[in-house]
């Protein structure tokens, strides 16, 4: 009887450790794919107080919820900072960073900013889950997955200004 209980506990422990390892691996892989910054952003609406609703299309190997959420959040914030918004229902919004080399110049800041659970999570939320029409198979090992997110751009701008990463709007004149 003790052997059966021992084997059962050992089996449960092994299953639990494999599950948590798979989640860790999934997040690590998501972060690695995000570093390539391969994504598209489309504005689907402007909210009040500087919040934008965006459809973020991330290119990934696994179209699963846990894998895509972190990637979409990082891509949305990265797009606001470095690419701007030029399509969709919003007016054209230039990138917050005017310097095209800012990401390389402030690499240490952005590495910690976009790290797992990093500060970027403070400015973005996922608005909905993955809808059936938002997954497109690009190739045998790549999918294009769309996810709706909301980004508080005003709060993001203020935080980057306070950190000395970007210049304030009033400093240009």
N, C-alpha and C. Protein backbone atom coordinates (compact mmCIF):
# COMPACT_ATOMS: atom_id res chain seq x y z
N UNK A 1 0.82 -1.20 0.00
CA UNK A 1 0.00 0.00 0.00
C UNK A 1 0.87 1.26 0.00
N UNK A 2 1.96 1.21 0.80
CA UNK A 2 2.84 2.38 0.87
C UNK A 2 3.51 2.64 -0.48
N UNK A 3 3.82 1.53 -1.20
CA UNK A 3 4.45 1.69 -2.51
C UNK A 3 3.49 2.35 -3.49
N UNK A 4 2.21 1.99 -3.44
CA UNK A 4 1.22 2.57 -4.35
C UNK A 4 1.06 4.06 -4.07
N UNK A 5 0.98 4.42 -2.80
CA UNK A 5 0.86 5.84 -2.43
C UNK A 5 2.13 6.58 -2.85
N UNK A 6 3.27 5.97 -2.62
CA UNK A 6 4.54 6.59 -3.00
C UNK A 6 4.64 6.82 -4.49
N UNK A 7 4.26 5.79 -5.27
CA UNK A 7 4.28 5.93 -6.73
C UNK A 7 3.26 6.98 -7.20
N UNK A 8 2.12 7.04 -6.57
CA UNK A 8 1.10 8.03 -6.94
C UNK A 8 1.60 9.43 -6.68
N UNK A 9 2.18 9.64 -5.50
CA UNK A 9 2.72 10.97 -5.18
C UNK A 9 3.85 11.35 -6.12
N UNK A 10 4.70 10.38 -6.44
CA UNK A 10 5.80 10.66 -7.34
C UNK A 10 5.28 11.00 -8.74
N UNK A 11 4.26 10.31 -9.20
CA UNK A 11 3.66 10.58 -10.50
C UNK A 11 3.04 11.97 -10.53
N UNK A 12 2.31 12.32 -9.49
CA UNK A 12 1.69 13.65 -9.41
C UNK A 12 2.76 14.73 -9.41
N UNK A 13 3.83 14.53 -8.65
CA UNK A 13 4.91 15.50 -8.60
C UNK A 13 5.56 15.66 -9.96
N UNK A 14 5.80 14.54 -10.67
CA UNK A 14 6.43 14.61 -11.98
C UNK A 14 5.53 15.34 -12.98
N UNK A 15 4.23 15.07 -12.95
CA UNK A 15 3.30 15.76 -13.85
C UNK A 15 3.27 17.25 -13.57
N UNK A 16 3.26 17.62 -12.29
CA UNK A 16 3.24 19.03 -11.92
C UNK A 16 4.52 19.73 -12.37
N UNK A 17 5.67 19.09 -12.17
CA UNK A 17 6.93 19.72 -12.57
C UNK A 17 7.03 19.84 -14.08
N UNK A 18 6.52 18.85 -14.83
CA UNK A 18 6.55 18.95 -16.29
C UNK A 18 5.63 20.07 -16.77
N UNK A 19 4.49 20.25 -16.12
CA UNK A 19 3.56 21.30 -16.50
C UNK A 19 4.17 22.68 -16.26
N UNK A 20 4.77 22.88 -15.10
CA UNK A 20 5.36 24.19 -14.82
C UNK A 20 6.57 24.44 -15.70
N UNK A 21 7.34 23.38 -16.02
CA UNK A 21 8.47 23.52 -16.93
C UNK A 21 8.00 23.90 -18.33
N UNK A 22 6.89 23.32 -18.77
CA UNK A 22 6.35 23.64 -20.09
C UNK A 22 5.91 25.09 -20.14
N UNK A 23 5.30 25.60 -19.07
CA UNK A 23 4.89 27.00 -19.05
C UNK A 23 6.11 27.90 -19.08
N UNK A 24 7.15 27.56 -18.30
CA UNK A 24 8.37 28.35 -18.29
C UNK A 24 9.00 28.36 -19.67
N UNK A 25 9.07 27.20 -20.31
CA UNK A 25 9.65 27.10 -21.65
C UNK A 25 8.84 27.92 -22.64
N UNK A 26 7.50 27.88 -22.52
CA UNK A 26 6.63 28.63 -23.42
C UNK A 26 6.89 30.13 -23.30
N UNK A 27 7.02 30.64 -22.07
CA UNK A 27 7.29 32.07 -21.87
C UNK A 27 8.66 32.44 -22.40
N UNK A 28 9.65 31.56 -22.15
CA UNK A 28 11.00 31.84 -22.63
C UNK A 28 11.01 31.89 -24.16
N UNK A 29 10.33 30.95 -24.81
CA UNK A 29 10.26 30.90 -26.26
C UNK A 29 9.52 32.12 -26.81
N UNK A 30 8.45 32.53 -26.12
CA UNK A 30 7.69 33.71 -26.52
C UNK A 30 8.58 34.94 -26.49
N UNK A 31 9.36 35.08 -25.42
CA UNK A 31 10.25 36.22 -25.29
C UNK A 31 11.31 36.21 -26.39
N UNK A 32 11.83 35.01 -26.73
CA UNK A 32 12.83 34.91 -27.79
C UNK A 32 12.23 35.33 -29.14
N UNK A 33 11.01 34.88 -29.44
CA UNK A 33 10.36 35.26 -30.69
C UNK A 33 10.06 36.74 -30.73
N UNK A 34 9.70 37.31 -29.59
CA UNK A 34 9.37 38.73 -29.54
C UNK A 34 10.60 39.58 -29.84
N UNK A 35 11.77 39.13 -29.46
CA UNK A 35 12.98 39.91 -29.70
C UNK A 35 13.23 40.15 -31.18
N UNK A 36 12.61 39.36 -32.03
CA UNK A 36 12.73 39.58 -33.47
C UNK A 36 11.81 40.72 -33.90
N UNK A 37 10.86 41.10 -33.06
CA UNK A 37 9.90 42.18 -33.30
C UNK A 37 9.22 42.04 -34.65
N UNK A 38 8.64 40.89 -34.87
CA UNK A 38 7.90 40.63 -36.11
C UNK A 38 6.41 40.69 -35.78
N UNK A 39 5.77 41.79 -36.13
CA UNK A 39 4.36 41.99 -35.79
C UNK A 39 3.75 43.06 -36.67
N UNK A 40 2.43 43.16 -36.62
CA UNK A 40 1.68 44.22 -37.29
C UNK A 40 0.69 44.79 -36.29
N UNK A 41 0.45 46.09 -36.39
CA UNK A 41 -0.51 46.73 -35.48
C UNK A 41 -1.53 47.50 -36.30
N UNK A 42 -2.78 47.34 -35.90
CA UNK A 42 -3.88 48.05 -36.54
C UNK A 42 -4.72 48.67 -35.43
N UNK A 43 -5.01 49.95 -35.55
CA UNK A 43 -5.81 50.63 -34.53
C UNK A 43 -7.29 50.32 -34.78
N UNK A 44 -7.99 49.91 -33.72
CA UNK A 44 -9.42 49.63 -33.86
C UNK A 44 -10.27 50.64 -33.09
N UNK A 45 -9.62 51.60 -32.44
CA UNK A 45 -10.37 52.65 -31.76
C UNK A 45 -9.54 53.39 -30.73
N UNK A 46 -9.98 54.63 -30.45
CA UNK A 46 -9.35 55.43 -29.42
C UNK A 46 -10.30 55.54 -28.24
N UNK A 47 -9.78 55.24 -27.07
CA UNK A 47 -10.59 55.37 -25.87
C UNK A 47 -10.35 56.72 -25.22
N UNK A 48 -10.96 56.90 -24.08
CA UNK A 48 -10.75 58.15 -23.37
C UNK A 48 -9.43 58.11 -22.61
N UNK A 49 -8.93 59.25 -22.29
CA UNK A 49 -7.72 59.43 -21.50
C UNK A 49 -6.49 58.73 -22.08
N UNK A 50 -6.32 58.84 -23.39
CA UNK A 50 -5.10 58.37 -24.02
C UNK A 50 -4.95 56.88 -24.15
N UNK A 51 -6.04 56.14 -24.21
CA UNK A 51 -5.98 54.69 -24.38
C UNK A 51 -6.35 54.33 -25.80
N UNK A 52 -5.55 53.48 -26.42
CA UNK A 52 -5.82 53.01 -27.77
C UNK A 52 -6.18 51.54 -27.73
N UNK A 53 -7.19 51.18 -28.50
CA UNK A 53 -7.52 49.77 -28.70
C UNK A 53 -6.85 49.35 -29.99
N UNK A 54 -6.06 48.29 -29.91
CA UNK A 54 -5.27 47.85 -31.05
C UNK A 54 -5.52 46.38 -31.33
N UNK A 55 -5.39 46.03 -32.59
CA UNK A 55 -5.36 44.63 -33.00
C UNK A 55 -3.89 44.36 -33.32
N UNK A 56 -3.28 43.47 -32.55
CA UNK A 56 -1.87 43.15 -32.73
C UNK A 56 -1.77 41.77 -33.36
N UNK A 57 -1.11 41.71 -34.50
CA UNK A 57 -0.88 40.44 -35.18
C UNK A 57 0.56 40.02 -34.94
N UNK A 58 0.72 38.94 -34.18
CA UNK A 58 2.05 38.42 -33.87
C UNK A 58 2.30 37.18 -34.71
N UNK A 59 3.52 37.00 -35.11
CA UNK A 59 3.92 35.81 -35.86
C UNK A 59 4.57 34.85 -34.88
N UNK A 60 4.02 33.65 -34.80
CA UNK A 60 4.45 32.72 -33.77
C UNK A 60 4.40 31.28 -34.28
N UNK A 61 5.07 30.41 -33.55
CA UNK A 61 5.06 28.99 -33.91
C UNK A 61 3.91 28.26 -33.24
N UNK A 62 3.38 28.82 -32.15
CA UNK A 62 2.30 28.18 -31.41
C UNK A 62 1.15 29.17 -31.19
N UNK A 63 -0.01 28.90 -31.76
CA UNK A 63 -1.13 29.83 -31.58
C UNK A 63 -1.95 29.55 -30.31
N UNK A 64 -1.27 29.35 -29.19
CA UNK A 64 -1.97 29.08 -27.94
C UNK A 64 -2.10 30.36 -27.12
N UNK A 65 -3.11 30.40 -26.28
CA UNK A 65 -3.44 31.59 -25.51
C UNK A 65 -2.27 32.06 -24.65
N UNK A 66 -1.71 31.18 -23.83
CA UNK A 66 -0.66 31.60 -22.91
C UNK A 66 0.58 32.07 -23.66
N UNK A 67 0.84 31.48 -24.78
CA UNK A 67 2.02 31.81 -25.57
C UNK A 67 1.87 33.17 -26.25
N UNK A 68 0.69 33.45 -26.77
CA UNK A 68 0.47 34.64 -27.59
C UNK A 68 0.22 35.89 -26.75
N UNK A 69 -0.41 35.76 -25.59
CA UNK A 69 -0.75 36.94 -24.79
C UNK A 69 0.46 37.80 -24.47
N UNK A 70 1.51 37.19 -23.91
CA UNK A 70 2.71 37.96 -23.56
C UNK A 70 3.34 38.58 -24.79
N UNK A 71 3.39 37.82 -25.85
CA UNK A 71 4.00 38.31 -27.09
C UNK A 71 3.22 39.50 -27.64
N UNK A 72 1.89 39.42 -27.64
CA UNK A 72 1.06 40.51 -28.16
C UNK A 72 1.21 41.77 -27.31
N UNK A 73 1.28 41.61 -26.00
CA UNK A 73 1.46 42.77 -25.12
C UNK A 73 2.79 43.47 -25.41
N UNK A 74 3.86 42.69 -25.48
CA UNK A 74 5.19 43.28 -25.77
C UNK A 74 5.17 43.98 -27.13
N UNK A 75 4.59 43.32 -28.12
CA UNK A 75 4.57 43.88 -29.46
C UNK A 75 3.78 45.18 -29.50
N UNK A 76 2.67 45.25 -28.79
CA UNK A 76 1.84 46.47 -28.78
C UNK A 76 2.62 47.64 -28.20
N UNK A 77 3.25 47.44 -27.05
CA UNK A 77 4.00 48.52 -26.41
C UNK A 77 5.21 48.89 -27.25
N UNK A 78 5.90 47.90 -27.80
CA UNK A 78 7.04 48.17 -28.66
C UNK A 78 6.62 49.00 -29.87
N UNK A 79 5.50 48.65 -30.47
CA UNK A 79 5.00 49.39 -31.63
C UNK A 79 4.67 50.83 -31.30
N UNK A 80 4.06 51.07 -30.17
CA UNK A 80 3.74 52.44 -29.74
C UNK A 80 5.02 53.24 -29.56
N UNK A 81 6.02 52.64 -28.95
CA UNK A 81 7.27 53.37 -28.66
C UNK A 81 8.11 53.59 -29.92
N UNK A 82 8.26 52.57 -30.76
CA UNK A 82 9.25 52.64 -31.84
C UNK A 82 8.69 52.75 -33.25
N UNK A 83 7.46 52.33 -33.49
CA UNK A 83 6.93 52.36 -34.86
C UNK A 83 5.80 53.36 -35.04
N UNK A 84 4.99 53.58 -34.02
CA UNK A 84 3.83 54.44 -34.16
C UNK A 84 2.67 53.68 -34.76
N UNK A 85 1.55 54.39 -34.91
CA UNK A 85 0.34 53.78 -35.46
C UNK A 85 -0.04 54.55 -36.72
N UNK A 86 -0.19 53.83 -37.82
CA UNK A 86 -0.50 54.52 -39.07
C UNK A 86 -1.73 53.98 -39.77
N UNK A 87 -2.36 52.95 -39.23
CA UNK A 87 -3.49 52.36 -39.94
C UNK A 87 -4.66 52.15 -39.00
N UNK A 88 -5.82 52.05 -39.57
CA UNK A 88 -7.00 51.74 -38.78
C UNK A 88 -7.87 52.95 -38.52
N UNK A 89 -8.63 52.89 -37.42
CA UNK A 89 -9.60 53.92 -37.11
C UNK A 89 -9.03 55.10 -36.35
N UNK A 90 -7.78 55.06 -35.96
CA UNK A 90 -7.16 56.17 -35.24
C UNK A 90 -6.49 57.12 -36.22
N UNK A 91 -6.26 58.32 -35.74
CA UNK A 91 -5.43 59.23 -36.53
C UNK A 91 -4.00 58.70 -36.50
N UNK A 92 -3.21 59.10 -37.47
CA UNK A 92 -1.81 58.68 -37.47
C UNK A 92 -1.14 59.16 -36.19
N UNK A 93 -0.48 58.25 -35.54
CA UNK A 93 0.23 58.55 -34.31
C UNK A 93 1.70 58.22 -34.51
N UNK A 94 2.57 59.20 -34.42
CA UNK A 94 4.00 58.90 -34.59
C UNK A 94 4.51 58.10 -33.38
N UNK A 95 5.64 57.48 -33.56
CA UNK A 95 6.27 56.73 -32.48
C UNK A 95 6.65 57.69 -31.35
N UNK A 96 6.60 57.20 -30.12
CA UNK A 96 7.00 58.03 -28.98
C UNK A 96 8.48 58.36 -29.04
N UNK A 97 9.28 57.42 -29.51
CA UNK A 97 10.72 57.63 -29.64
C UNK A 97 11.02 58.25 -30.99
N UNK A 98 11.58 59.43 -30.97
CA UNK A 98 11.94 60.10 -32.22
C UNK A 98 13.29 59.64 -32.76
N UNK A 99 14.12 59.13 -31.86
CA UNK A 99 15.46 58.67 -32.22
C UNK A 99 15.37 57.22 -32.70
N UNK A 100 15.71 56.92 -33.96
CA UNK A 100 15.61 55.55 -34.46
C UNK A 100 16.59 54.58 -33.78
N UNK A 101 17.63 55.08 -33.15
CA UNK A 101 18.63 54.23 -32.48
C UNK A 101 18.40 54.12 -30.98
N UNK A 102 17.30 54.64 -30.50
CA UNK A 102 17.04 54.68 -29.06
C UNK A 102 17.07 53.29 -28.43
N UNK A 103 16.51 52.31 -29.11
CA UNK A 103 16.45 50.96 -28.55
C UNK A 103 17.86 50.40 -28.31
N UNK A 104 18.79 50.68 -29.21
CA UNK A 104 20.17 50.22 -29.03
C UNK A 104 20.91 51.07 -28.01
N UNK A 105 20.66 52.37 -28.01
CA UNK A 105 21.33 53.26 -27.08
C UNK A 105 20.91 53.00 -25.63
N UNK A 106 19.68 52.66 -25.42
CA UNK A 106 19.14 52.41 -24.07
C UNK A 106 18.82 50.93 -23.90
N UNK A 107 19.67 50.07 -24.44
CA UNK A 107 19.43 48.62 -24.45
C UNK A 107 19.18 48.06 -23.06
N UNK A 108 19.95 48.46 -22.09
CA UNK A 108 19.79 47.94 -20.73
C UNK A 108 18.40 48.29 -20.17
N UNK A 109 17.97 49.51 -20.40
CA UNK A 109 16.64 49.92 -19.93
C UNK A 109 15.55 49.08 -20.59
N UNK A 110 15.60 48.95 -21.91
CA UNK A 110 14.55 48.23 -22.63
C UNK A 110 14.60 46.72 -22.39
N UNK A 111 15.77 46.16 -22.12
CA UNK A 111 15.84 44.74 -21.77
C UNK A 111 15.06 44.47 -20.48
N UNK A 112 15.24 45.32 -19.48
CA UNK A 112 14.49 45.13 -18.23
C UNK A 112 13.03 45.54 -18.40
N UNK A 113 12.77 46.55 -19.21
CA UNK A 113 11.40 47.03 -19.45
C UNK A 113 10.55 45.94 -20.10
N UNK A 114 11.10 45.22 -21.08
CA UNK A 114 10.37 44.18 -21.80
C UNK A 114 10.63 42.77 -21.25
N UNK A 115 11.27 42.65 -20.10
CA UNK A 115 11.51 41.33 -19.49
C UNK A 115 10.19 40.71 -19.05
N UNK A 116 10.19 39.41 -18.76
CA UNK A 116 8.99 38.74 -18.26
C UNK A 116 8.48 39.47 -17.02
N UNK A 117 7.22 39.88 -17.07
CA UNK A 117 6.63 40.61 -15.95
C UNK A 117 7.21 42.01 -15.80
N UNK A 118 7.85 42.52 -16.85
CA UNK A 118 8.50 43.82 -16.82
C UNK A 118 7.50 44.97 -16.74
N UNK A 119 8.03 46.16 -16.75
CA UNK A 119 7.22 47.35 -16.56
C UNK A 119 6.21 47.58 -17.69
N UNK A 120 6.46 47.02 -18.85
CA UNK A 120 5.54 47.20 -19.97
C UNK A 120 4.13 46.70 -19.64
N UNK A 121 4.03 45.71 -18.76
CA UNK A 121 2.73 45.14 -18.42
C UNK A 121 1.82 46.14 -17.73
N UNK A 122 2.39 47.18 -17.18
CA UNK A 122 1.63 48.22 -16.48
C UNK A 122 0.76 49.04 -17.45
N UNK A 123 1.11 49.05 -18.72
CA UNK A 123 0.47 49.93 -19.69
C UNK A 123 -0.45 49.22 -20.68
N UNK A 124 -0.51 47.91 -20.65
CA UNK A 124 -1.27 47.16 -21.66
C UNK A 124 -2.10 46.06 -21.01
N UNK A 125 -3.30 45.86 -21.57
CA UNK A 125 -4.15 44.76 -21.15
C UNK A 125 -4.71 44.08 -22.39
N UNK A 126 -4.96 42.79 -22.25
CA UNK A 126 -5.57 42.03 -23.35
C UNK A 126 -7.07 42.21 -23.24
N UNK A 127 -7.69 42.65 -24.33
CA UNK A 127 -9.13 42.96 -24.33
C UNK A 127 -9.99 41.74 -24.59
N UNK A 128 -9.49 40.78 -25.34
CA UNK A 128 -10.29 39.60 -25.68
C UNK A 128 -9.37 38.42 -25.93
N UNK A 129 -9.97 37.26 -26.06
CA UNK A 129 -9.20 36.07 -26.37
C UNK A 129 -8.96 35.95 -27.86
N UNK A 130 -8.34 34.87 -28.24
CA UNK A 130 -8.07 34.61 -29.65
C UNK A 130 -9.37 34.15 -30.30
N UNK A 131 -9.79 34.87 -31.31
CA UNK A 131 -11.01 34.51 -32.03
C UNK A 131 -10.65 33.61 -33.21
N UNK A 132 -11.57 32.73 -33.63
CA UNK A 132 -11.26 31.77 -34.70
C UNK A 132 -10.72 32.41 -35.98
N UNK A 133 -11.23 33.55 -36.37
CA UNK A 133 -10.78 34.19 -37.60
C UNK A 133 -9.46 34.92 -37.47
N UNK A 134 -8.91 34.96 -36.26
CA UNK A 134 -7.67 35.70 -36.02
C UNK A 134 -6.42 34.84 -36.06
N UNK A 135 -6.55 33.59 -36.48
CA UNK A 135 -5.40 32.70 -36.60
C UNK A 135 -5.26 32.31 -38.07
N UNK A 136 -4.12 32.67 -38.65
CA UNK A 136 -3.85 32.36 -40.05
C UNK A 136 -2.55 31.56 -40.12
N UNK A 137 -2.60 30.44 -40.80
CA UNK A 137 -1.40 29.63 -40.96
C UNK A 137 -0.58 30.23 -42.11
N UNK A 138 0.63 30.66 -41.79
CA UNK A 138 1.52 31.27 -42.78
C UNK A 138 2.36 30.20 -43.48
N UNK A 139 2.93 29.32 -42.70
CA UNK A 139 3.73 28.23 -43.24
C UNK A 139 3.54 27.01 -42.33
N UNK A 140 4.31 26.00 -42.58
CA UNK A 140 4.15 24.78 -41.79
C UNK A 140 4.40 25.00 -40.30
N UNK A 141 5.30 25.92 -39.98
CA UNK A 141 5.66 26.15 -38.58
C UNK A 141 5.41 27.58 -38.11
N UNK A 142 4.60 28.35 -38.83
CA UNK A 142 4.38 29.73 -38.42
C UNK A 142 2.91 30.11 -38.59
N UNK A 143 2.41 30.82 -37.58
CA UNK A 143 1.04 31.30 -37.58
C UNK A 143 1.04 32.80 -37.35
N UNK A 144 0.04 33.47 -37.90
CA UNK A 144 -0.19 34.88 -37.65
C UNK A 144 -1.44 34.94 -36.77
N UNK A 145 -1.27 35.44 -35.54
CA UNK A 145 -2.36 35.44 -34.56
C UNK A 145 -2.69 36.87 -34.17
N UNK A 146 -3.96 37.23 -34.32
CA UNK A 146 -4.43 38.56 -33.95
C UNK A 146 -5.06 38.55 -32.58
N UNK A 147 -4.78 39.59 -31.80
CA UNK A 147 -5.32 39.71 -30.45
C UNK A 147 -5.63 41.17 -30.18
N UNK A 148 -6.78 41.45 -29.59
CA UNK A 148 -7.15 42.81 -29.23
C UNK A 148 -6.51 43.18 -27.90
N UNK A 149 -5.84 44.33 -27.88
CA UNK A 149 -5.23 44.83 -26.66
C UNK A 149 -5.56 46.31 -26.50
N UNK A 150 -5.46 46.79 -25.28
CA UNK A 150 -5.64 48.21 -25.00
C UNK A 150 -4.35 48.72 -24.37
N UNK A 151 -3.84 49.84 -24.88
CA UNK A 151 -2.59 50.43 -24.39
C UNK A 151 -2.88 51.84 -23.90
N UNK A 152 -2.47 52.13 -22.67
CA UNK A 152 -2.60 53.48 -22.13
C UNK A 152 -1.35 54.26 -22.55
N UNK A 153 -1.46 54.95 -23.67
CA UNK A 153 -0.31 55.63 -24.27
C UNK A 153 0.11 56.84 -23.44
N UNK A 154 -0.86 57.56 -22.88
CA UNK A 154 -0.51 58.74 -22.06
C UNK A 154 0.32 58.34 -20.84
N UNK A 155 -0.08 57.29 -20.17
CA UNK A 155 0.67 56.81 -19.00
C UNK A 155 2.04 56.30 -19.42
N UNK A 156 2.12 55.62 -20.54
CA UNK A 156 3.39 55.13 -21.07
C UNK A 156 4.32 56.29 -21.39
N UNK A 157 3.79 57.31 -22.06
CA UNK A 157 4.60 58.49 -22.39
C UNK A 157 5.15 59.16 -21.13
N UNK A 158 4.30 59.36 -20.14
CA UNK A 158 4.72 60.01 -18.90
C UNK A 158 5.81 59.21 -18.20
N UNK A 159 5.67 57.90 -18.18
CA UNK A 159 6.66 57.06 -17.53
C UNK A 159 8.00 57.12 -18.25
N UNK A 160 7.98 57.07 -19.58
CA UNK A 160 9.24 57.15 -20.34
C UNK A 160 9.89 58.53 -20.22
N UNK A 161 9.07 59.57 -20.14
CA UNK A 161 9.61 60.92 -19.94
C UNK A 161 10.26 61.03 -18.56
N UNK A 162 9.59 60.51 -17.55
CA UNK A 162 10.13 60.57 -16.18
C UNK A 162 11.44 59.80 -16.06
N UNK A 163 11.58 58.72 -16.81
CA UNK A 163 12.81 57.92 -16.79
C UNK A 163 13.91 58.55 -17.65
N UNK A 164 13.59 59.61 -18.39
CA UNK A 164 14.58 60.28 -19.24
C UNK A 164 14.85 59.53 -20.54
N UNK A 165 13.95 58.66 -20.94
CA UNK A 165 14.14 57.87 -22.16
C UNK A 165 13.71 58.68 -23.38
N UNK A 166 12.59 59.36 -23.28
CA UNK A 166 12.11 60.21 -24.38
C UNK A 166 11.95 61.63 -23.86
N UNK A 167 11.93 62.58 -24.78
CA UNK A 167 11.74 63.98 -24.41
C UNK A 167 10.26 64.26 -24.26
N UNK A 168 9.94 65.18 -23.36
CA UNK A 168 8.56 65.59 -23.18
C UNK A 168 8.07 66.41 -24.35
N UNK A 169 6.76 66.49 -24.50
CA UNK A 169 6.19 67.24 -25.62
C UNK A 169 6.56 68.72 -25.55
N UNK A 170 6.64 69.29 -24.38
CA UNK A 170 6.96 70.71 -24.22
C UNK A 170 8.42 71.03 -24.47
N UNK A 171 9.32 70.06 -24.44
CA UNK A 171 10.74 70.31 -24.61
C UNK A 171 11.15 70.51 -26.06
N UNK A 172 10.24 70.32 -26.99
CA UNK A 172 10.57 70.45 -28.41
C UNK A 172 10.50 71.90 -28.88
N UNK A 173 9.87 72.74 -28.13
CA UNK A 173 9.66 74.12 -28.61
C UNK A 173 10.61 75.08 -27.97
